[in-house]
Amino acid sequence: MEQTLKKITVLVVDDSSVIRNIVKDALKDEIDIEVVGEAEDPIVARDLIKRLNPDVLTLDVEMPKMDGITFLGNLMRLRPMPVIMLSTLTTKGADITLEALEIGAVDFIAKPSVAELLATKNSFKETLVTKIKQAATIEQRNFKLSKVIASDSENKILPFKGLKRVDHLVAIGASTGGTEAIKKVLLNLPDNSPAIVITQHIPKSFSGRFADRLNSCCQITVQEAQHGQKIKVGHAYIAPGDMHLKVVRRGSGFFCTLEDSPEVSRHKPSVDVLFDSLIPFAENVQAILLTGMGRDGAKGMLNLKESGAKTIIQDKASSLIWGMPGKAYALNAQCEQISLANIASSIIDFASLNKAEMKKKNDEY
């Protein structure tokens, strides 16, 4: 007897009937996804969740009767489930979305205007379908990564006597779940930690706000990267959401270079672009690939490993999505596979070695 296909059930929560119809229309032809209900406010949504038990929720953040953040907080406390935020690409939308990811939302997608939808309908549909399918695979224990970060007994500033080399760099790549994973790593680092360059898949209007939020809670200085900016110890530089970030060496210093070129690995910024730019001085690099959907960064990490870099992937158990780290693992691109909670200490331990010690350590992998 033919087995019935188990569909991913979705509840759409948005006060705009136009947006609800756009989401439903984007999903109507998917044979393995079914919209089982819609709600115009969180009060209706709460009852429908109890009755329909959906696999995934799409959620607007600005609604009547109860705002989306309050509703999301209650939901993550009482009935954790995969939630994808529909966000406006504004400063306010960025702050609310980043707060939602801290609370426990697994991902977000830009809410299209009608004009944008007419121009890029297939793009929105493909992105929404991909994110829903990925969200449905996430294990329940991972929905509240922010709670793990807040309660982790190891969430403290690590002791560090300082770099024994002036040319040591840390490069981090991440996507889905990465905003909170990056935050976890940076929160543990002291203000004299090695310089860090970061590519996180994030919209243009979000990257600056993301950097500001990290800067407000971390010991190190975190900022959105600027073209030509000198890279300094104790600083982290986040790629703008619409530009590739590369690192170039001039004399004894490293500098950020921003490049407005085509997408690589379907992304701009791309982790592969960042990692490949580090190959000329790979022996002084720690490259880290955190949680994320897709394969961006896997090939670049392998190139770095083969050029002498220390390469680390976040392990599956601590990853919201083990896509990018998993693809790197399949290529044997990593020197080590480490839990998120231990990545910061690994950075500091390796940064404490001099060049001879570091080369010896690299040769062991």
Protein backbone atom coordinates (compact mmCIF):
# COMPACT_ATOMS: atom_id res chain seq x y z
CA MET A 1 0.00 0.00 0.00
CA GLU A 2 1.33 3.45 -0.92
CA GLN A 3 2.43 5.50 2.07
CA THR A 4 0.68 8.85 2.59
CA LEU A 5 3.01 11.85 2.41
CA LYS A 6 3.36 13.59 5.79
CA LYS A 7 2.85 17.26 5.09
CA ILE A 8 4.43 20.12 7.02
CA THR A 9 1.54 22.03 8.56
CA VAL A 10 1.78 25.80 8.78
CA LEU A 11 -0.19 28.43 10.69
CA VAL A 12 0.02 31.98 9.27
CA VAL A 13 -0.27 34.78 11.85
CA ASP A 14 -0.50 38.34 10.51
CA ASP A 15 -2.98 41.17 10.98
CA SER A 16 -2.83 41.98 7.26
CA SER A 17 -5.15 39.87 5.13
CA VAL A 18 -3.01 40.84 2.12
CA ILE A 19 0.13 39.34 3.66
CA ARG A 20 -1.76 36.24 4.83
CA ASN A 21 -3.00 35.71 1.27
CA ILE A 22 0.50 36.26 -0.15
CA VAL A 23 1.95 33.59 2.17
CA LYS A 24 -0.89 31.15 1.45
CA ASP A 25 -0.56 31.73 -2.29
CA ALA A 26 3.19 31.09 -2.14
CA LEU A 27 2.60 27.74 -0.43
CA LYS A 28 -0.54 26.50 -2.16
CA ASP A 29 1.22 24.39 -4.81
CA GLU A 30 3.71 22.71 -2.44
CA ILE A 31 2.75 19.05 -2.17
CA ASP A 32 4.53 18.60 1.16
CA ILE A 33 3.36 21.83 2.85
CA GLU A 34 -0.18 22.65 3.95
CA VAL A 35 -1.46 25.90 5.46
CA VAL A 36 -3.88 24.61 8.07
CA GLY A 37 -5.00 27.93 9.44
CA GLU A 38 -4.56 31.69 9.63
CA ALA A 39 -4.94 34.21 12.43
CA GLU A 40 -5.19 38.00 12.42
CA ASP A 41 -3.93 38.40 15.98
CA PRO A 42 -2.12 36.38 18.68
CA ILE A 43 -5.32 35.70 20.63
CA VAL A 44 -6.83 33.81 17.69
CA ALA A 45 -3.43 32.22 16.99
CA ARG A 46 -3.18 30.87 20.53
CA ASP A 47 -6.44 28.97 20.16
CA LEU A 48 -5.56 27.68 16.69
CA ILE A 49 -2.18 26.39 17.87
CA LYS A 50 -3.92 24.34 20.58
CA ARG A 51 -6.47 23.00 18.12
CA LEU A 52 -4.36 22.48 14.98
CA ASN A 53 -0.92 21.71 16.46
CA PRO A 54 0.98 23.13 13.45
CA ASP A 55 4.57 22.19 12.67
CA VAL A 56 5.68 25.74 11.80
CA LEU A 57 4.37 29.23 12.52
CA THR A 58 4.91 32.34 10.39
CA LEU A 59 4.55 35.39 12.61
CA ASP A 60 4.25 39.14 12.09
CA VAL A 61 5.65 41.28 14.90
CA GLU A 62 3.31 44.26 14.82
CA MET A 63 -0.26 43.17 15.53
CA PRO A 64 -3.26 44.30 17.59
CA LYS A 65 -4.28 42.95 21.02
CA MET A 66 -0.79 41.54 21.73
CA ASP A 67 2.47 42.41 19.97
CA GLY A 68 4.39 39.61 18.29
CA ILE A 69 7.35 39.78 20.70
CA THR A 70 5.14 39.32 23.77
CA PHE A 71 3.30 36.48 22.04
CA LEU A 72 6.56 34.84 20.95
CA GLY A 73 7.93 35.02 24.50
CA ASN A 74 4.82 33.32 25.86
CA LEU A 75 4.91 30.71 23.10
CA MET A 76 8.57 29.81 23.68
CA ARG A 77 7.91 29.42 27.39
CA LEU A 78 4.72 27.36 27.12
CA ARG A 79 4.85 25.56 23.76
CA PRO A 80 8.21 25.90 21.94
CA MET A 81 7.89 25.42 18.20
CA PRO A 82 9.61 26.63 15.00
CA VAL A 83 8.65 30.25 14.31
CA ILE A 84 9.65 32.23 11.21
CA MET A 85 9.27 35.98 11.59
CA LEU A 86 7.92 38.11 8.73
CA SER A 87 9.95 41.31 9.10
CA THR A 88 9.96 44.77 7.60
CA LEU A 89 13.37 45.91 6.34
CA THR A 90 13.49 48.99 8.55
CA THR A 91 15.55 49.97 11.59
CA LYS A 92 12.57 49.23 13.81
CA GLY A 93 11.92 45.97 11.98
CA ALA A 94 15.58 44.97 12.38
CA ASP A 95 15.57 45.58 16.14
CA ILE A 96 12.32 43.68 16.65
CA THR A 97 13.49 40.77 14.48
CA LEU A 98 16.84 40.48 16.26
CA GLU A 99 14.98 40.52 19.58
CA ALA A 100 12.71 37.76 18.26
CA LEU A 101 15.73 35.65 17.35
CA GLU A 102 17.07 36.16 20.88
CA ILE A 103 13.76 34.97 22.31
CA GLY A 104 13.65 31.84 20.17
CA ALA A 105 12.43 32.46 16.61
CA VAL A 106 14.41 30.20 14.28
CA ASP A 107 14.54 32.45 11.22
CA PHE A 108 13.04 35.44 9.46
CA ILE A 109 12.05 36.54 5.98
CA ALA A 110 11.52 40.03 4.62
CA LYS A 111 7.85 40.93 4.33
CA PRO A 112 7.30 41.91 0.68
CA SER A 113 5.35 44.89 -0.50
CA VAL A 114 2.85 44.22 -3.26
CA ALA A 115 5.15 45.99 -5.76
CA GLU A 116 8.16 43.93 -4.68
CA LEU A 117 6.12 40.75 -4.88
CA LEU A 118 5.07 41.45 -8.45
CA ALA A 119 8.73 41.93 -9.38
CA THR A 120 10.23 39.03 -7.40
CA LYS A 121 7.36 36.64 -6.66
CA ASN A 122 9.37 33.47 -7.30
CA SER A 123 12.23 34.66 -5.10
CA PHE A 124 9.92 35.19 -2.10
CA LYS A 125 8.19 31.86 -2.70
CA GLU A 126 11.46 29.91 -2.97
CA THR A 127 12.89 31.54 0.16
CA LEU A 128 9.72 30.99 2.18
CA VAL A 129 9.38 27.33 1.13
CA THR A 130 13.04 26.61 1.89
CA LYS A 131 12.90 28.24 5.32
CA ILE A 132 9.68 26.43 6.28
CA LYS A 133 11.07 23.05 5.25
CA GLN A 134 14.28 23.71 7.15
CA ALA A 135 12.41 24.96 10.23
CA ALA A 136 10.32 21.78 10.32
CA THR A 137 13.49 19.69 10.76
CA ILE A 138 14.71 21.54 13.85
CA GLU A 139 14.60 19.57 17.06
CA GLN A 140 12.55 21.03 19.89
CA ARG A 141 15.54 21.28 22.23
CA ASN A 142 17.09 23.85 19.88
CA PHE A 143 14.18 26.31 19.72
CA LYS A 144 15.42 28.25 22.72
CA LEU A 145 19.08 28.73 22.02
CA SER A 146 18.86 32.13 23.71
CA LYS A 147 17.85 30.47 26.97
CA VAL A 148 20.94 28.26 26.82
CA ILE A 149 23.08 31.36 26.29
CA ALA A 150 21.49 33.22 29.19
CA SER A 151 21.76 30.34 31.66
CA ASP A 152 25.08 28.84 30.58
CA SER A 153 27.42 28.74 33.57
CA GLU A 154 30.36 29.11 31.17
CA ASN A 155 29.03 32.41 29.87
CA LYS A 156 31.87 34.49 31.33
CA ILE A 157 34.82 36.53 30.08
CA LEU A 158 37.76 34.24 29.47
CA PRO A 159 41.20 35.13 30.87
CA PHE A 160 43.76 35.97 28.21
CA LYS A 161 47.29 37.37 28.60
CA GLY A 162 47.30 38.67 25.05
CA LEU A 163 48.45 37.64 21.60
CA LYS A 164 52.00 36.43 21.13
CA ARG A 165 51.72 37.45 17.46
CA VAL A 166 50.55 40.65 15.81
CA ASP A 167 49.13 38.97 12.71
CA HIS A 168 46.58 36.49 14.08
CA LEU A 169 43.02 36.61 12.72
CA VAL A 170 39.75 34.84 13.53
CA ALA A 171 37.15 34.49 10.76
CA ILE A 172 33.57 33.41 11.50
CA GLY A 173 30.84 32.41 9.06
CA ALA A 174 27.20 31.74 9.95
CA SER A 175 23.63 31.81 8.69
CA THR A 176 20.39 30.44 10.19
CA GLY A 177 20.65 30.66 13.99
CA GLY A 178 23.94 32.46 13.58
CA THR A 179 23.05 35.77 15.23
CA GLU A 180 22.68 34.05 18.59
CA ALA A 181 25.59 31.66 17.99
CA ILE A 182 27.91 34.57 17.17
CA LYS A 183 26.68 36.39 20.25
CA LYS A 184 27.50 33.36 22.40
CA VAL A 185 31.07 33.24 21.09
CA LEU A 186 31.75 36.98 21.36
CA LEU A 187 30.25 37.33 24.85
CA ASN A 188 33.02 35.12 26.23
CA LEU A 189 35.91 37.02 24.66
CA PRO A 190 38.00 39.66 26.50
CA ASP A 191 38.74 43.11 25.11
CA ASN A 192 42.26 42.06 24.08
CA SER A 193 41.13 39.03 22.08
CA PRO A 194 42.41 38.49 18.53
CA ALA A 195 40.78 40.50 15.75
CA ILE A 196 37.66 38.90 14.27
CA VAL A 197 36.00 39.22 10.87
CA ILE A 198 32.45 37.91 10.47
CA THR A 199 30.17 37.06 7.59
CA GLN A 200 26.58 36.44 8.71
CA HIS A 201 23.83 36.04 6.11
CA ILE A 202 21.66 39.03 7.00
CA PRO A 203 19.88 41.85 5.09
CA LYS A 204 21.54 45.21 4.51
CA SER A 205 19.24 46.99 6.95
CA PHE A 206 19.98 44.46 9.72
CA SER A 207 23.77 44.16 9.76
CA GLY A 208 24.48 47.54 11.34
CA ARG A 209 21.85 47.04 14.04
CA PHE A 210 23.18 43.53 14.69
CA ALA A 211 26.68 44.95 15.20
CA ASP A 212 25.34 47.65 17.53
CA ARG A 213 23.46 45.13 19.66
CA LEU A 214 26.56 42.95 20.03
CA ASN A 215 28.74 45.97 20.81
CA SER A 216 26.40 46.93 23.65
CA CYS A 217 26.83 43.59 25.45
CA CYS A 218 30.34 42.39 24.56
CA GLN A 219 33.75 43.31 25.96
CA ILE A 220 35.25 43.49 22.48
CA THR A 221 34.33 46.34 20.13
CA VAL A 222 31.88 45.15 17.47
CA GLN A 223 31.07 47.19 14.37
CA GLU A 224 29.86 46.90 10.82
CA ALA A 225 32.92 46.69 8.56
CA GLN A 226 33.90 49.75 6.54
CA HIS A 227 35.86 49.68 3.28
CA GLY A 228 39.57 50.24 3.89
CA GLN A 229 39.22 49.97 7.66
CA LYS A 230 42.29 48.73 9.55
CA ILE A 231 41.64 45.55 11.52
CA LYS A 232 42.60 45.87 15.19
CA VAL A 233 43.04 43.52 18.14
CA GLY A 234 39.97 43.45 20.40
CA HIS A 235 37.63 44.35 17.54
CA ALA A 236 35.11 42.36 15.50
CA TYR A 237 33.99 43.46 12.04
CA ILE A 238 30.67 42.30 10.56
CA ALA A 239 30.12 42.26 6.80
CA PRO A 240 27.40 44.67 5.61
CA GLY A 241 24.31 42.81 4.45
CA ASP A 242 24.78 43.68 0.79
CA MET A 243 28.57 43.48 0.33
CA HIS A 244 31.23 40.78 0.33
CA LEU A 245 33.84 41.22 3.06
CA LYS A 246 37.44 40.39 2.24
CA VAL A 247 40.67 40.87 4.17
CA VAL A 248 43.80 42.25 2.53
CA ARG A 249 47.29 42.66 3.94
CA ARG A 250 49.25 45.89 3.56
CA GLY A 251 52.66 45.89 5.17
CA SER A 252 52.26 44.46 8.65
CA GLY A 253 48.54 45.29 8.91
CA PHE A 254 45.22 43.76 7.83
CA PHE A 255 42.41 45.79 6.30
CA CYS A 256 38.73 45.24 5.47
CA THR A 257 37.78 45.38 1.81
CA LEU A 258 34.12 45.53 0.77
CA GLU A 259 33.19 44.29 -2.68
CA ASP A 260 29.90 44.83 -4.50
CA SER A 261 30.22 41.82 -6.82
CA PRO A 262 27.77 38.99 -7.68
CA GLU A 263 26.52 36.47 -5.14
CA VAL A 264 28.75 33.51 -4.34
CA SER A 265 27.24 30.26 -3.05
CA ARG A 266 23.89 32.10 -3.49
CA HIS A 267 24.85 34.72 -0.91
CA LYS A 268 26.16 38.26 -0.59
CA PRO A 269 27.96 38.52 1.75
CA SER A 270 29.44 35.06 1.26
CA VAL A 271 31.49 33.10 3.77
CA ASP A 272 33.42 31.46 0.92
CA VAL A 273 34.52 34.90 -0.29
CA LEU A 274 35.76 35.86 3.19
CA PHE A 275 37.55 32.56 3.77
CA ASP A 276 39.22 32.53 0.34
CA SER A 277 40.58 36.04 0.92
CA LEU A 278 42.50 34.70 3.94
CA ILE A 279 44.40 31.98 2.04
CA PRO A 280 47.60 34.08 1.50
CA PHE A 281 48.12 34.23 5.28
CA ALA A 282 46.21 31.09 6.28
CA GLU A 283 48.84 29.89 8.76
CA ASN A 284 47.83 32.82 11.01
CA VAL A 285 44.07 32.20 10.74
CA GLN A 286 41.41 30.47 12.82
CA ALA A 287 38.34 29.88 10.62
CA ILE A 288 35.06 28.98 12.30
CA LEU A 289 31.82 27.82 10.67
CA LEU A 290 28.70 28.11 12.82
CA THR A 291 25.08 27.03 12.42
CA GLY A 292 23.43 27.82 9.10
CA MET A 293 21.42 26.59 6.16
CA GLY A 294 23.17 25.69 2.90
CA ARG A 295 26.78 25.06 1.96
CA ASP A 296 28.37 28.52 1.97
CA GLY A 297 31.80 28.42 3.60
CA ALA A 298 32.44 24.68 3.32
CA LYS A 299 34.71 24.86 0.27
CA GLY A 300 36.41 28.00 1.54
CA MET A 301 37.11 26.27 4.84
CA LEU A 302 38.66 23.30 3.06
CA ASN A 303 40.88 25.67 1.08
CA LEU A 304 41.99 27.33 4.31
CA LYS A 305 42.70 24.02 6.03
CA GLU A 306 44.81 22.87 3.10
CA SER A 307 46.70 26.17 3.29
CA GLY A 308 47.55 25.73 6.97
CA ALA A 309 44.72 27.41 8.88
CA LYS A 310 43.13 26.12 12.08
CA THR A 311 39.53 25.29 11.11
CA ILE A 312 36.61 24.67 13.48
CA ILE A 313 32.98 23.71 12.87
CA GLN A 314 30.17 23.93 15.39
CA ASP A 315 29.01 20.44 16.30
CA LYS A 316 25.60 19.10 15.31
CA ALA A 317 24.26 18.85 18.85
CA SER A 318 24.63 22.59 19.50
CA SER A 319 23.67 23.82 16.01
CA LEU A 320 20.21 25.10 15.21
CA ILE A 321 20.83 24.02 11.59
CA TRP A 322 23.80 21.74 10.84
CA GLY A 323 23.81 22.66 7.17
CA MET A 324 26.95 24.73 6.63
CA PRO A 325 29.02 22.96 9.31
CA GLY A 326 27.69 19.61 8.06
CA LYS A 327 28.75 20.37 4.48
CA ALA A 328 32.23 21.27 5.73
CA TYR A 329 32.31 18.04 7.73
CA ALA A 330 31.44 16.07 4.60
CA LEU A 331 34.53 17.59 2.94
CA ASN A 332 36.69 16.91 6.02
CA ALA A 333 37.37 20.65 6.04
CA GLN A 334 37.57 20.94 9.81
CA CYS A 335 40.50 20.44 12.15
CA GLU A 336 38.07 20.21 15.05
CA GLN A 337 34.34 19.90 15.70
CA ILE A 338 33.39 21.78 18.89
CA SER A 339 30.26 22.58 20.88
CA LEU A 340 29.14 26.21 20.68
CA ALA A 341 29.81 26.67 24.40
CA ASN A 342 33.50 25.79 23.93
CA ILE A 343 34.37 27.68 20.76
CA ALA A 344 35.44 30.91 22.51
CA SER A 345 37.85 29.05 24.79
CA SER A 346 39.30 27.23 21.77
CA ILE A 347 39.89 30.60 20.08
CA ILE A 348 41.73 31.93 23.14
CA ASP A 349 43.76 28.76 23.69
CA PHE A 350 45.02 28.75 20.10
CA ALA A 351 45.63 32.51 20.09
CA SER A 352 47.89 32.08 23.14
CA LEU A 353 50.44 30.11 21.10
CA ASN A 354 53.45 31.69 19.43
CA LYS A 355 54.17 30.99 15.76
CA ALA A 356 56.28 27.91 16.40
CA GLU A 357 53.75 26.47 18.84
CA MET A 358 50.90 27.26 16.47
CA LYS A 359 52.64 25.55 13.54
CA LYS A 360 53.27 22.49 15.69
CA LYS A 361 49.61 22.45 16.74
CA ASN A 362 48.43 22.83 13.13
CA ASP A 363 50.65 19.94 12.05
CA GLU A 364 48.87 17.68 14.56
CA TYR A 365 45.52 18.01 12.74
